[in-house]
Amino acid sequence: MESKKFLLQEQDIPTAWYNIVADMKNKPLPPLDPKTKKPITAEDLYPLFAKGLVDQELNETDAWIEIPEEVRDMYKIWRPTPLVRAYGLEKALDTPAHIYFKNESVSPVGSHKLNSAIPQAYFCKQEGVTNVTTETGAGQWGTSMALAAKHFGMELAVYMVKVSYHQKPYRRSMMQTFGAEVIASPSMSTRAGRDIITKYPNYQGSLGTAISEAVELARQTPNCKYVLGSTMNHVMLHQTVIGLEAEKQMEMAGEYPDVVIACFGGGSNFSGIAFPFLRHKLTEGKDIRIIAAEPASCPKLTRGQFQYDFGDEAGYTPLFPMYTLGHNFLPANIHAGGLRYHGAGSIVSQLKKDGLMDAVDIQQLETFNAATLFARSEGIIPAPESSHAIAAAIREAEQAKLEGKQRTILFNLSGHGLIDMAAYDRYLAGDLTNYEVTDEDVAKNLAEIERII
C-alpha cells in the first residue's frame, strides 16, 4: 500500500455552498402539482419541509449560499476530509493515469451523508420542529440523520428499505444507538405500506416506497417535518463542500482532473464532488468529463427516460422532471442499497439532458472486483455504492494504459464498507450474481407513467 494525502486546515472548510443552478444556462424544469400540473410554490412545500430548506430548494439566482456558523462548527468534527493520491491502485493497474480519491468515509457515520443531515436538522430546529421523518436505503443517510436529529434534540423515525433492514442489521443498530426509531419498509404502519404489502406480499421494498411512508407519517404527525438524503436541490447544495475542498486539494497536488467520477443513486455524493468542477465548465468552458456510475440493475441515467414522475411509490410527492425508470419500478435486491432509486435528481437530469455529463452502468460483480482490488491496494474497504465509482475509475485508468496517455482521474469515495461485510462474505463465497433490467421491462414500466413532457 502506497498513497499520499493532501490535507487542508480547519479554516479551509467552505464558508458557502455552491448553487450550480445559478450558473446553468438551462435551468431545471419546475416541480409540478400532480393535480393541477402547475409549478409548485414555496407555500406548497412549507408544510412538509423546513422553510430554510425550501428557500434553498427554489433559489435559482444565488451561486453562493452561506453556511450557518453552527453547521460549519459541526463540520469541523471531521472536515476537511483527505484527498488521497492512490499510488497503490495505480501500481496494481500498471497505468500511466494519476488516480485521486476524496475520502468521505472518515465522517463519524462513515459516509458523506452527514454533510446534508446536519444542515437539514439545523433548519428544522430553527423552525421549532420536534419530530422528523425520513427514508434510508443502505442506511448511511438514516444513520447520519439519526446523529444530526439527536444533536438538535429532535425525535426521528426512519423507514429503512426492507431488504437492507435485513442485509445490513448493524446500520439499523447504529440508528437505534443514536436514538432513532427504525421501521422496515414497506410496513403496516402507513396506508402506503399496507397497500403495497397487499399487492406484493413478499416485496422487499424500494426507496420510493420508503419515501411514501416517511412523507405520510410526517403529514400525520404534529410539529413534524420530512427530510431526505438525495435528489432534491438543497441536498445537492449541501454536499458541494466535498468538491469545493477537492478543488483546493487538487491545486495542492499540482493537477486538475481530466475526469471526475462518483457513484449515482439519486445524486447526492455525485453532485457534491462534481458540481464545483462543473462550475468551471459552465462559466469558463473548462474541458472536463463528469461521469455518474450507476448499477446495471437500476440504470435510470443510461436507460431511463427524461419525463415528469413522482419521487415516491404512492404518488405523495410533487412531479419532478427526471430521468426515471418509473416510480413503480421494483429494483433487484443488490447490496448497493443506496443506489436502488428509480429516478435522478432534477439538476442532474437537466445536466445529463444538455450533454454536460456522462453516465455508465456497472454490473454488481464488477463493482465487487473493483472493491477488493481497491481494498488490497489502498487498505480501505469501500461501501458497495462507492465501489461503482472505483470500477468506473479503473475503466478510465485501463483506457489510459491502452492509449498510452497520462490522465488525471478524481473519484469520490462516498463511504466505507465496514458495516457491509455480509455482502463481501457473499462475494468471496461466490454467491453474488449480476442483475440487469431488460429493455422490455423498462418500456413496460414507463408505459404506465403519465407523459407530461
Protein backbone atom coordinates (compact mmCIF):
# COMPACT_ATOMS: atom_id res chain seq x y z
CA MET A 1 0.00 0.00 0.00
CA GLU A 2 1.31 3.39 -1.00
CA SER A 3 -0.59 6.64 -1.07
CA LYS A 4 -0.20 10.36 -0.45
CA LYS A 5 -2.67 12.54 1.40
CA PHE A 6 -3.41 16.19 0.69
CA LEU A 7 -4.78 17.76 3.86
CA LEU A 8 -6.47 21.11 4.39
CA GLN A 9 -6.81 23.05 7.63
CA GLU A 10 -9.95 23.86 9.60
CA GLN A 11 -10.06 27.37 8.14
CA ASP A 12 -10.25 25.83 4.66
CA ILE A 13 -13.72 24.39 5.25
CA PRO A 14 -16.00 26.22 2.78
CA THR A 15 -17.97 29.14 4.20
CA ALA A 16 -20.65 28.88 1.49
CA TRP A 17 -22.27 26.09 -0.50
CA TYR A 18 -22.21 26.27 -4.31
CA ASN A 19 -25.61 26.52 -6.04
CA ILE A 20 -24.97 25.30 -9.59
CA VAL A 21 -28.47 26.24 -10.79
CA ALA A 22 -27.45 29.91 -10.78
CA ASP A 23 -24.83 29.15 -13.44
CA MET A 24 -26.90 26.78 -15.58
CA LYS A 25 -27.99 28.18 -18.94
CA ASN A 26 -30.96 25.79 -18.98
CA LYS A 27 -32.49 25.75 -15.52
CA PRO A 28 -34.18 22.54 -14.34
CA LEU A 29 -37.87 22.41 -15.16
CA PRO A 30 -40.05 23.20 -12.11
CA PRO A 31 -41.69 20.51 -9.99
CA LEU A 32 -45.42 20.28 -10.68
CA ASP A 33 -48.50 19.85 -8.54
CA PRO A 34 -49.81 16.36 -9.53
CA LYS A 35 -53.43 17.55 -9.57
CA THR A 36 -53.18 20.90 -11.37
CA LYS A 37 -49.94 20.23 -13.32
CA LYS A 38 -48.89 23.77 -12.38
CA PRO A 39 -45.47 24.59 -10.86
CA ILE A 40 -45.40 24.21 -7.11
CA THR A 41 -44.69 27.22 -4.92
CA ALA A 42 -42.77 27.66 -1.70
CA GLU A 43 -46.10 27.71 0.15
CA ASP A 44 -46.85 24.25 -1.27
CA LEU A 45 -43.61 22.88 0.23
CA TYR A 46 -43.56 24.66 3.60
CA PRO A 47 -45.92 22.15 5.31
CA LEU A 48 -43.53 19.27 4.54
CA PHE A 49 -40.05 20.85 4.64
CA ALA A 50 -38.36 23.44 6.84
CA LYS A 51 -38.68 26.95 5.40
CA GLY A 52 -34.92 27.50 5.19
CA LEU A 53 -34.57 24.36 3.09
CA VAL A 54 -37.46 25.27 0.79
CA ASP A 55 -35.86 28.66 0.14
CA GLN A 56 -32.62 26.90 -0.83
CA GLU A 57 -34.55 24.42 -2.97
CA LEU A 58 -36.12 27.14 -5.11
CA ASN A 59 -33.14 29.52 -5.28
CA GLU A 60 -32.03 29.89 -8.92
CA THR A 61 -30.11 33.17 -8.64
CA ASP A 62 -27.51 32.98 -5.86
CA ALA A 63 -24.43 30.94 -6.82
CA TRP A 64 -23.16 31.00 -3.22
CA ILE A 65 -25.32 30.35 -0.14
CA GLU A 66 -23.74 30.97 3.24
CA ILE A 67 -23.23 28.02 5.57
CA PRO A 68 -24.60 28.85 9.05
CA GLU A 69 -21.86 29.13 11.66
CA GLU A 70 -23.36 26.37 13.83
CA VAL A 71 -23.40 23.98 10.86
CA ARG A 72 -19.82 24.86 9.95
CA ASP A 73 -18.75 24.29 13.57
CA MET A 74 -20.18 20.77 13.37
CA TYR A 75 -18.45 20.19 10.03
CA LYS A 76 -15.18 20.80 11.88
CA ILE A 77 -15.62 17.47 13.70
CA TRP A 78 -14.40 15.64 10.57
CA ARG A 79 -13.92 18.19 7.79
CA PRO A 80 -11.89 18.94 5.76
CA THR A 81 -11.66 15.33 4.54
CA PRO A 82 -8.47 13.99 2.93
CA LEU A 83 -7.72 13.88 -0.77
CA VAL A 84 -5.56 10.83 -1.50
CA ARG A 85 -3.30 10.01 -4.44
CA ALA A 86 -3.91 6.26 -4.93
CA TYR A 87 -0.39 5.17 -5.80
CA GLY A 88 -1.18 1.61 -4.71
CA LEU A 89 -4.11 1.32 -7.10
CA GLU A 90 -2.10 2.93 -9.89
CA LYS A 91 0.67 0.37 -9.37
CA ALA A 92 -1.78 -2.55 -9.28
CA LEU A 93 -3.28 -1.39 -12.59
CA ASP A 94 0.13 -0.55 -14.12
CA THR A 95 -1.45 2.59 -15.55
CA PRO A 96 0.03 5.95 -16.52
CA ALA A 97 -3.09 7.58 -15.08
CA HIS A 98 -2.91 9.55 -11.83
CA ILE A 99 -5.78 8.46 -9.59
CA TYR A 100 -7.07 10.58 -6.71
CA PHE A 101 -9.97 9.99 -4.36
CA LYS A 102 -11.76 12.24 -1.88
CA ASN A 103 -12.19 10.19 1.29
CA GLU A 104 -15.63 10.94 2.74
CA SER A 105 -15.56 7.70 4.75
CA VAL A 106 -13.81 9.49 7.63
CA SER A 107 -17.04 11.11 8.87
CA PRO A 108 -18.45 9.88 12.21
CA VAL A 109 -21.03 7.76 10.36
CA GLY A 110 -18.64 6.56 7.67
CA SER A 111 -20.15 8.37 4.68
CA HIS A 112 -20.77 11.73 3.00
CA LYS A 113 -24.42 11.85 4.05
CA LEU A 114 -23.71 13.82 7.23
CA ASN A 115 -22.86 16.87 5.08
CA SER A 116 -26.58 17.38 4.44
CA ALA A 117 -28.07 15.77 7.57
CA ILE A 118 -26.59 18.45 9.82
CA PRO A 119 -27.94 21.49 7.92
CA GLN A 120 -31.33 19.82 7.42
CA ALA A 121 -31.61 19.16 11.15
CA TYR A 122 -30.37 22.69 11.88
CA PHE A 123 -33.03 24.38 9.73
CA CYS A 124 -35.75 22.15 11.18
CA LYS A 125 -34.67 23.07 14.72
CA GLN A 126 -34.59 26.78 13.78
CA GLU A 127 -38.28 26.42 12.98
CA GLY A 128 -39.07 24.77 16.32
CA VAL A 129 -39.68 21.32 14.83
CA THR A 130 -39.72 18.46 17.36
CA ASN A 131 -40.08 15.40 15.09
CA VAL A 132 -38.62 14.47 11.72
CA THR A 133 -39.17 11.50 9.42
CA THR A 134 -37.05 10.09 6.62
CA GLU A 135 -36.25 7.05 4.50
CA THR A 136 -32.98 5.22 4.00
CA GLY A 137 -31.71 2.65 1.53
CA ALA A 138 -28.44 1.13 2.72
CA GLY A 139 -28.63 3.04 5.99
CA GLN A 140 -25.94 5.71 5.59
CA TRP A 141 -28.49 8.52 5.33
CA GLY A 142 -30.64 7.20 8.15
CA THR A 143 -27.59 6.90 10.38
CA SER A 144 -26.49 10.44 9.52
CA MET A 145 -29.93 11.86 10.19
CA ALA A 146 -30.19 9.92 13.47
CA LEU A 147 -26.98 11.55 14.72
CA ALA A 148 -27.98 15.02 13.49
CA ALA A 149 -31.51 14.82 14.91
CA LYS A 150 -30.21 13.75 18.30
CA HIS A 151 -27.71 16.62 18.36
CA PHE A 152 -30.51 19.12 17.79
CA GLY A 153 -32.88 17.42 20.24
CA MET A 154 -35.46 16.06 17.78
CA GLU A 155 -37.12 12.66 17.50
CA LEU A 156 -36.58 10.73 14.26
CA ALA A 157 -38.48 7.90 12.57
CA VAL A 158 -36.62 6.13 9.73
CA TYR A 159 -38.28 3.90 7.14
CA MET A 160 -35.50 1.57 6.04
CA VAL A 161 -35.90 -0.42 2.81
CA LYS A 162 -36.76 -3.92 4.00
CA VAL A 163 -34.06 -5.79 2.07
CA SER A 164 -31.40 -3.51 3.59
CA TYR A 165 -33.05 -3.73 7.02
CA HIS A 166 -32.19 -7.43 6.95
CA GLN A 167 -28.98 -7.29 4.86
CA LYS A 168 -27.42 -4.55 6.99
CA PRO A 169 -28.52 -5.07 10.61
CA TYR A 170 -25.65 -3.03 12.03
CA ARG A 171 -26.76 0.07 10.14
CA ARG A 172 -30.10 -0.38 11.88
CA SER A 173 -28.29 -0.79 15.20
CA MET A 174 -26.34 2.42 14.61
CA MET A 175 -29.53 4.38 14.02
CA GLN A 176 -31.10 2.91 17.14
CA THR A 177 -27.95 3.65 19.15
CA PHE A 178 -28.29 7.31 18.15
CA GLY A 179 -31.92 7.21 19.32
CA ALA A 180 -33.93 6.83 16.11
CA GLU A 181 -36.90 4.54 15.57
CA VAL A 182 -36.28 2.29 12.56
CA ILE A 183 -39.13 0.63 10.65
CA ALA A 184 -38.67 -1.93 7.84
CA SER A 185 -40.40 -0.65 4.70
CA PRO A 186 -42.92 -1.48 3.39
CA SER A 187 -44.62 -1.65 6.77
CA MET A 188 -48.13 -1.94 8.12
CA SER A 189 -47.82 1.42 9.89
CA THR A 190 -48.90 3.54 6.90
CA ARG A 191 -51.54 3.31 4.21
CA ALA A 192 -48.84 3.40 1.52
CA GLY A 193 -47.06 0.47 3.15
CA ARG A 194 -50.22 -1.56 3.64
CA ASP A 195 -51.26 -1.02 0.03
CA ILE A 196 -48.02 -2.34 -1.39
CA ILE A 197 -47.88 -5.30 1.02
CA THR A 198 -51.39 -6.20 -0.07
CA LYS A 199 -50.36 -6.00 -3.73
CA TYR A 200 -46.91 -7.64 -3.29
CA PRO A 201 -46.90 -9.64 -0.01
CA ASN A 202 -43.21 -10.60 -0.26
CA TYR A 203 -41.94 -7.29 -1.62
CA GLN A 204 -38.56 -6.35 -0.13
CA GLY A 205 -39.02 -2.62 -0.57
CA SER A 206 -37.61 0.32 -2.52
CA LEU A 207 -36.60 3.87 -1.74
CA GLY A 208 -39.77 5.03 -3.49
CA THR A 209 -41.91 3.06 -1.05
CA ALA A 210 -39.90 4.20 1.98
CA ILE A 211 -40.27 7.83 0.89
CA SER A 212 -44.06 7.39 0.64
CA GLU A 213 -44.21 6.06 4.19
CA ALA A 214 -41.98 8.79 5.62
CA VAL A 215 -43.96 11.55 3.86
CA GLU A 216 -47.26 10.07 5.06
CA LEU A 217 -46.07 9.93 8.68
CA ALA A 218 -44.73 13.50 8.50
CA ARG A 219 -48.10 14.76 7.29
CA GLN A 220 -49.94 12.99 10.11
CA THR A 221 -47.60 13.96 12.96
CA PRO A 222 -47.89 17.34 14.73
CA ASN A 223 -44.86 19.64 14.54
CA CYS A 224 -43.08 17.22 12.21
CA LYS A 225 -41.09 17.74 9.00
CA TYR A 226 -39.78 15.38 6.36
CA VAL A 227 -36.06 15.28 5.46
CA LEU A 228 -34.37 13.34 2.69
CA GLY A 229 -30.86 12.34 1.71
CA SER A 230 -30.71 12.80 -2.06
CA THR A 231 -32.31 14.01 -5.33
CA MET A 232 -33.60 17.43 -4.23
CA ASN A 233 -31.72 20.65 -4.95
CA HIS A 234 -30.99 21.63 -1.35
CA VAL A 235 -29.41 18.23 -0.66
CA MET A 236 -27.14 18.61 -3.70
CA LEU A 237 -26.27 22.11 -2.47
CA HIS A 238 -25.09 20.94 0.96
CA GLN A 239 -22.89 18.23 -0.50
CA THR A 240 -20.81 20.68 -2.55
CA VAL A 241 -18.46 21.05 0.41
CA ILE A 242 -16.85 17.87 -0.98
CA GLY A 243 -15.90 19.28 -4.36
CA LEU A 244 -15.05 22.76 -3.04
CA GLU A 245 -12.45 21.20 -0.75
CA ALA A 246 -11.25 18.90 -3.53
CA GLU A 247 -10.60 21.91 -5.79
CA LYS A 248 -8.11 23.32 -3.27
CA GLN A 249 -6.53 19.92 -2.72
CA MET A 250 -6.04 19.26 -6.43
CA GLU A 251 -4.26 22.63 -6.57
CA MET A 252 -2.00 21.41 -3.75
CA ALA A 253 -1.28 18.31 -5.82
CA GLY A 254 -0.43 20.50 -8.79
CA GLU A 255 -3.02 18.84 -11.03
CA TYR A 256 -6.52 19.33 -12.40
CA PRO A 257 -8.76 16.33 -13.10
CA ASP A 258 -9.48 15.27 -16.66
CA VAL A 259 -12.40 13.24 -15.36
CA VAL A 260 -14.47 13.37 -12.14
CA ILE A 261 -16.40 10.25 -11.13
CA ALA A 262 -18.93 9.33 -8.44
CA CYS A 263 -21.44 6.58 -7.86
CA PHE A 264 -25.04 7.52 -8.54
CA GLY A 265 -28.28 6.71 -6.75
CA GLY A 266 -30.25 9.96 -6.63
CA GLY A 267 -27.27 12.28 -6.96
CA SER A 268 -26.09 13.47 -3.52
CA ASN A 269 -22.42 12.40 -3.47
CA PHE A 270 -22.19 12.79 -7.26
CA SER A 271 -23.29 16.41 -7.10
CA GLY A 272 -21.05 17.01 -4.11
CA ILE A 273 -17.83 16.19 -5.94
CA ALA A 274 -18.93 17.12 -9.47
CA PHE A 275 -20.80 20.42 -9.28
CA PRO A 276 -17.85 22.59 -8.14
CA PHE A 277 -15.78 21.26 -11.05
CA LEU A 278 -18.70 21.60 -13.46
CA ARG A 279 -18.76 25.25 -12.45
CA HIS A 280 -15.54 25.75 -14.45
CA LYS A 281 -17.09 24.02 -17.45
CA LEU A 282 -20.21 26.20 -17.27
CA THR A 283 -18.52 29.54 -16.59
CA GLU A 284 -15.08 29.15 -18.22
CA GLY A 285 -15.56 26.41 -20.82
CA LYS A 286 -13.08 24.15 -18.99
CA ASP A 287 -12.60 20.78 -20.72
CA ILE A 288 -13.52 18.19 -18.09
CA ARG A 289 -15.54 14.97 -18.18
CA ILE A 290 -18.04 14.18 -15.44
CA ILE A 291 -19.19 10.56 -15.05
CA ALA A 292 -22.00 9.12 -12.93
CA ALA A 293 -21.61 5.39 -12.23
CA GLU A 294 -24.89 3.60 -11.56
CA PRO A 295 -25.83 -0.08 -11.13
CA ALA A 296 -26.87 -2.03 -14.22
CA SER A 297 -29.85 -3.23 -12.20
CA CYS A 298 -31.16 0.34 -11.72
CA PRO A 299 -30.00 2.27 -14.83
CA LYS A 300 -32.13 5.41 -14.85
CA LEU A 301 -29.48 7.69 -16.39
CA THR A 302 -28.32 5.24 -19.03
CA ARG A 303 -31.63 3.61 -19.95
CA GLY A 304 -34.43 5.61 -18.34
CA GLN A 305 -36.49 8.37 -19.95
CA PHE A 306 -36.49 12.08 -19.19
CA GLN A 307 -40.01 12.94 -18.07
CA TYR A 308 -42.05 14.11 -15.11
CA ASP A 309 -42.52 11.45 -12.47
CA PHE A 310 -43.28 11.07 -8.78
CA GLY A 311 -40.39 10.85 -6.35
CA ASP A 312 -42.14 8.09 -4.42
CA GLU A 313 -44.14 4.91 -4.94
CA ALA A 314 -47.52 6.14 -3.70
CA GLY A 315 -47.55 9.46 -5.54
CA TYR A 316 -47.44 11.70 -2.46
CA THR A 317 -44.64 13.92 -3.76
CA PRO A 318 -44.77 16.58 -6.48
CA LEU A 319 -43.96 15.54 -10.03
CA PHE A 320 -40.26 16.08 -10.73
CA PRO A 321 -38.52 16.36 -14.13
CA MET A 322 -36.09 13.45 -14.10
CA TYR A 323 -34.51 10.55 -15.85
CA THR A 324 -36.64 7.75 -14.47
CA LEU A 325 -37.44 4.07 -14.73
CA GLY A 326 -40.90 4.83 -13.36
CA HIS A 327 -41.89 5.37 -9.73
CA ASN A 328 -43.43 1.87 -9.80
CA PHE A 329 -40.03 0.31 -10.62
CA LEU A 330 -39.21 -2.75 -8.49
CA PRO A 331 -35.41 -2.85 -8.11
CA ALA A 332 -33.35 -6.03 -7.70
CA ASN A 333 -32.02 -6.80 -4.23
CA ILE A 334 -28.44 -5.71 -4.90
CA HIS A 335 -26.11 -4.94 -2.00
CA ALA A 336 -25.58 -1.32 -3.08
CA GLY A 337 -28.84 -0.42 -1.34
CA GLY A 338 -28.21 3.32 -1.58
CA LEU A 339 -28.34 3.19 -5.39
CA ARG A 340 -31.69 1.40 -5.76
CA TYR A 341 -33.71 4.51 -6.62
CA HIS A 342 -35.90 4.82 -9.70
CA GLY A 343 -35.08 8.41 -10.62
CA ALA A 344 -32.35 11.04 -10.80
CA GLY A 345 -32.46 14.49 -9.22
CA SER A 346 -33.80 17.34 -11.37
CA ILE A 347 -30.50 19.22 -11.60
CA VAL A 348 -28.52 16.16 -12.65
CA SER A 349 -31.23 15.17 -15.11
CA GLN A 350 -31.05 18.57 -16.82
CA LEU A 351 -27.24 18.43 -16.94
CA LYS A 352 -27.42 14.96 -18.49
CA LYS A 353 -30.07 16.11 -20.98
CA ASP A 354 -27.83 19.03 -22.00
CA GLY A 355 -24.83 16.74 -22.54
CA LEU A 356 -22.77 18.27 -19.73
CA MET A 357 -22.11 14.90 -18.06
CA ASP A 358 -21.97 11.21 -18.89
CA ALA A 359 -23.26 8.08 -17.19
CA VAL A 360 -22.19 4.42 -17.17
CA ASP A 361 -23.94 1.39 -15.71
CA ILE A 362 -21.90 -1.28 -13.97
CA GLN A 363 -22.70 -4.86 -13.00
CA GLN A 364 -22.63 -5.94 -9.36
CA LEU A 365 -19.73 -8.39 -9.77
CA GLU A 366 -17.54 -5.79 -11.48
CA THR A 367 -18.08 -3.43 -8.55
CA PHE A 368 -17.00 -6.04 -6.00
CA ASN A 369 -13.99 -6.98 -8.13
CA ALA A 370 -13.03 -3.30 -8.09
CA ALA A 371 -13.74 -3.02 -4.36
CA THR A 372 -11.43 -5.90 -3.41
CA LEU A 373 -8.62 -4.60 -5.65
CA PHE A 374 -9.00 -1.16 -4.04
CA ALA A 375 -9.02 -2.65 -0.53
CA ARG A 376 -5.88 -4.67 -1.22
CA SER A 377 -4.00 -1.77 -2.80
CA GLU A 378 -5.23 1.17 -0.66
CA GLY A 379 -6.18 -0.50 2.65
CA ILE A 380 -9.76 0.83 2.73
CA ILE A 381 -12.78 -1.45 2.34
CA PRO A 382 -15.25 0.64 0.34
CA ALA A 383 -19.03 0.67 0.56
CA PRO A 384 -20.75 -1.28 -2.25
CA GLU A 385 -22.17 2.02 -3.50
CA SER A 386 -18.76 3.71 -3.68
CA SER A 387 -17.37 0.68 -5.48
CA HIS A 388 -19.29 1.71 -8.60
CA ALA A 389 -17.13 4.86 -8.73
CA ILE A 390 -13.99 2.78 -8.20
CA ALA A 391 -14.98 0.44 -11.02
CA ALA A 392 -15.57 3.39 -13.35
CA ALA A 393 -12.21 4.91 -12.34
CA ILE A 394 -10.49 1.61 -13.09
CA ARG A 395 -12.10 1.56 -16.54
CA GLU A 396 -10.71 5.04 -17.18
CA ALA A 397 -7.25 4.07 -15.90
CA GLU A 398 -7.19 0.96 -18.09
CA GLN A 399 -8.21 3.04 -21.11
CA ALA A 400 -5.35 5.44 -20.36
CA LYS A 401 -2.99 2.46 -20.35
CA LEU A 402 -4.32 1.23 -23.70
CA GLU A 403 -3.86 4.69 -25.21
CA GLY A 404 -0.51 5.24 -23.52
CA LYS A 405 -1.72 8.61 -22.20
CA GLN A 406 -1.43 10.22 -18.81
CA ARG A 407 -4.86 11.03 -17.44
CA THR A 408 -5.81 12.56 -14.09
CA ILE A 409 -8.79 10.83 -12.52
CA LEU A 410 -10.67 12.02 -9.42
CA PHE A 411 -13.42 10.00 -7.78
CA ASN A 412 -15.43 10.30 -4.60
CA LEU A 413 -15.08 7.54 -2.03
CA SER A 414 -18.51 8.27 -0.57
CA GLY A 415 -18.25 5.79 2.31
CA HIS A 416 -16.54 2.76 3.81
CA GLY A 417 -17.91 -0.78 3.77
CA LEU A 418 -17.06 -1.92 7.29
CA ILE A 419 -20.75 -2.47 8.03
CA ASP A 420 -21.29 -4.18 4.68
CA MET A 421 -19.13 -7.23 5.31
CA ALA A 422 -22.08 -9.60 4.84
CA ALA A 423 -22.07 -8.51 1.20
CA TYR A 424 -18.34 -9.17 0.96
CA ASP A 425 -18.88 -12.59 2.57
CA ARG A 426 -21.32 -13.48 -0.21
CA TYR A 427 -18.97 -12.13 -2.87
CA LEU A 428 -15.99 -14.07 -1.53
CA ALA A 429 -18.10 -17.23 -1.34
CA GLY A 430 -19.13 -16.81 -4.98
CA ASP A 431 -22.79 -16.31 -4.09
CA LEU A 432 -23.34 -12.89 -5.68
CA THR A 433 -24.86 -12.58 -9.14
CA ASN A 434 -25.43 -9.83 -11.68
CA TYR A 435 -28.86 -8.34 -12.30
CA GLU A 436 -29.81 -6.48 -15.43
CA VAL A 437 -33.07 -4.87 -16.41
CA THR A 438 -34.37 -5.81 -19.86
CA ASP A 439 -35.44 -3.18 -22.39
CA GLU A 440 -38.88 -4.77 -22.32
CA ASP A 441 -39.15 -4.28 -18.55
CA VAL A 442 -38.07 -0.64 -18.81
CA ALA A 443 -40.54 0.08 -21.64
CA LYS A 444 -43.40 -1.69 -19.87
CA ASN A 445 -42.77 0.19 -16.64
CA LEU A 446 -42.55 3.60 -18.30
CA ALA A 447 -45.69 2.95 -20.34
CA GLU A 448 -47.65 3.04 -17.08
CA ILE A 449 -46.42 6.57 -16.25
CA GLU A 450 -48.41 9.61 -17.38
CA ARG A 451 -46.45 11.55 -20.02
CA ILE A 452 -46.34 15.28 -19.37
CA ILE A 453 -43.30 16.25 -21.47
